[in-house]
Amino acid sequence: DTLRWVLIAIALIGIAVTIHARLDDWKRGQR
């Protein structure tokens, strides 16, 4: 079970980083 939660945490962090990077690029594109 622990390994499963670790994998889920890594996946969520990866998604969060990807979304943050996209938002940052989107904000730069608008300016």
N, C-alpha and C. Protein backbone atom coordinates (compact mmCIF):
# COMPACT_ATOMS: atom_id res chain seq x y z
N ASP A 1 0.84 -1.21 0.00
CA ASP A 1 0.00 0.00 0.00
C ASP A 1 0.88 1.26 0.00
N THR A 2 1.96 1.22 0.78
CA THR A 2 2.82 2.41 0.86
C THR A 2 3.37 2.77 -0.51
N LEU A 3 3.84 1.76 -1.23
CA LEU A 3 4.42 2.01 -2.56
C LEU A 3 3.38 2.65 -3.47
N ARG A 4 2.13 2.17 -3.36
CA ARG A 4 1.06 2.73 -4.19
C ARG A 4 0.88 4.22 -3.90
N TRP A 5 0.85 4.58 -2.62
CA TRP A 5 0.67 5.99 -2.26
C TRP A 5 1.85 6.83 -2.74
N VAL A 6 3.05 6.26 -2.69
CA VAL A 6 4.24 6.99 -3.16
C VAL A 6 4.12 7.27 -4.65
N LEU A 7 3.69 6.27 -5.41
CA LEU A 7 3.54 6.46 -6.86
C LEU A 7 2.48 7.50 -7.16
N ILE A 8 1.37 7.46 -6.39
CA ILE A 8 0.30 8.45 -6.59
C ILE A 8 0.82 9.85 -6.29
N ALA A 9 1.59 9.98 -5.22
CA ALA A 9 2.14 11.29 -4.84
C ALA A 9 3.05 11.82 -5.95
N ILE A 10 3.91 10.95 -6.49
CA ILE A 10 4.82 11.38 -7.56
C ILE A 10 4.02 11.82 -8.79
N ALA A 11 2.97 11.06 -9.10
CA ALA A 11 2.14 11.40 -10.27
C ALA A 11 1.47 12.75 -10.07
N LEU A 12 0.91 12.98 -8.88
CA LEU A 12 0.24 14.26 -8.60
C LEU A 12 1.23 15.41 -8.67
N ILE A 13 2.42 15.22 -8.13
CA ILE A 13 3.44 16.28 -8.17
C ILE A 13 3.82 16.58 -9.61
N GLY A 14 3.99 15.52 -10.41
CA GLY A 14 4.35 15.72 -11.82
C GLY A 14 3.28 16.49 -12.56
N ILE A 15 2.00 16.15 -12.29
CA ILE A 15 0.90 16.86 -12.94
C ILE A 15 0.88 18.32 -12.50
N ALA A 16 1.08 18.56 -11.20
CA ALA A 16 1.07 19.93 -10.68
C ALA A 16 2.17 20.76 -11.32
N VAL A 17 3.36 20.17 -11.45
CA VAL A 17 4.48 20.90 -12.06
C VAL A 17 4.17 21.21 -13.53
N THR A 18 3.58 20.25 -14.23
CA THR A 18 3.24 20.46 -15.65
C THR A 18 2.23 21.58 -15.80
N ILE A 19 1.18 21.55 -14.96
CA ILE A 19 0.15 22.60 -15.02
C ILE A 19 0.77 23.96 -14.70
N HIS A 20 1.61 24.02 -13.67
CA HIS A 20 2.25 25.28 -13.28
C HIS A 20 3.10 25.82 -14.43
N ALA A 21 3.84 24.93 -15.09
CA ALA A 21 4.69 25.36 -16.20
C ALA A 21 3.83 25.88 -17.35
N ARG A 22 2.72 25.21 -17.63
CA ARG A 22 1.84 25.65 -18.72
C ARG A 22 1.23 27.01 -18.39
N LEU A 23 0.80 27.20 -17.14
CA LEU A 23 0.21 28.49 -16.75
C LEU A 23 1.26 29.59 -16.86
N ASP A 24 2.50 29.28 -16.47
CA ASP A 24 3.57 30.29 -16.54
C ASP A 24 3.80 30.68 -18.00
N ASP A 25 3.86 29.70 -18.89
CA ASP A 25 4.07 30.00 -20.31
C ASP A 25 2.87 30.77 -20.86
N TRP A 26 1.64 30.41 -20.40
CA TRP A 26 0.44 31.08 -20.89
C TRP A 26 0.44 32.55 -20.46
N LYS A 27 0.85 32.81 -19.22
CA LYS A 27 0.91 34.19 -18.74
C LYS A 27 1.95 34.97 -19.54
N ARG A 28 3.09 34.35 -19.84
CA ARG A 28 4.13 35.03 -20.63
C ARG A 28 3.62 35.31 -22.03
N GLY A 29 2.83 34.39 -22.58
CA GLY A 29 2.31 34.55 -23.94
C GLY A 29 1.33 35.71 -24.03
N GLN A 30 0.53 35.91 -22.99
CA GLN A 30 -0.45 37.00 -23.03
C GLN A 30 0.23 38.36 -22.96
N ARG A 31 1.32 38.46 -22.19
CA ARG A 31 1.95 39.77 -22.01
C ARG A 31 2.61 40.26 -23.26
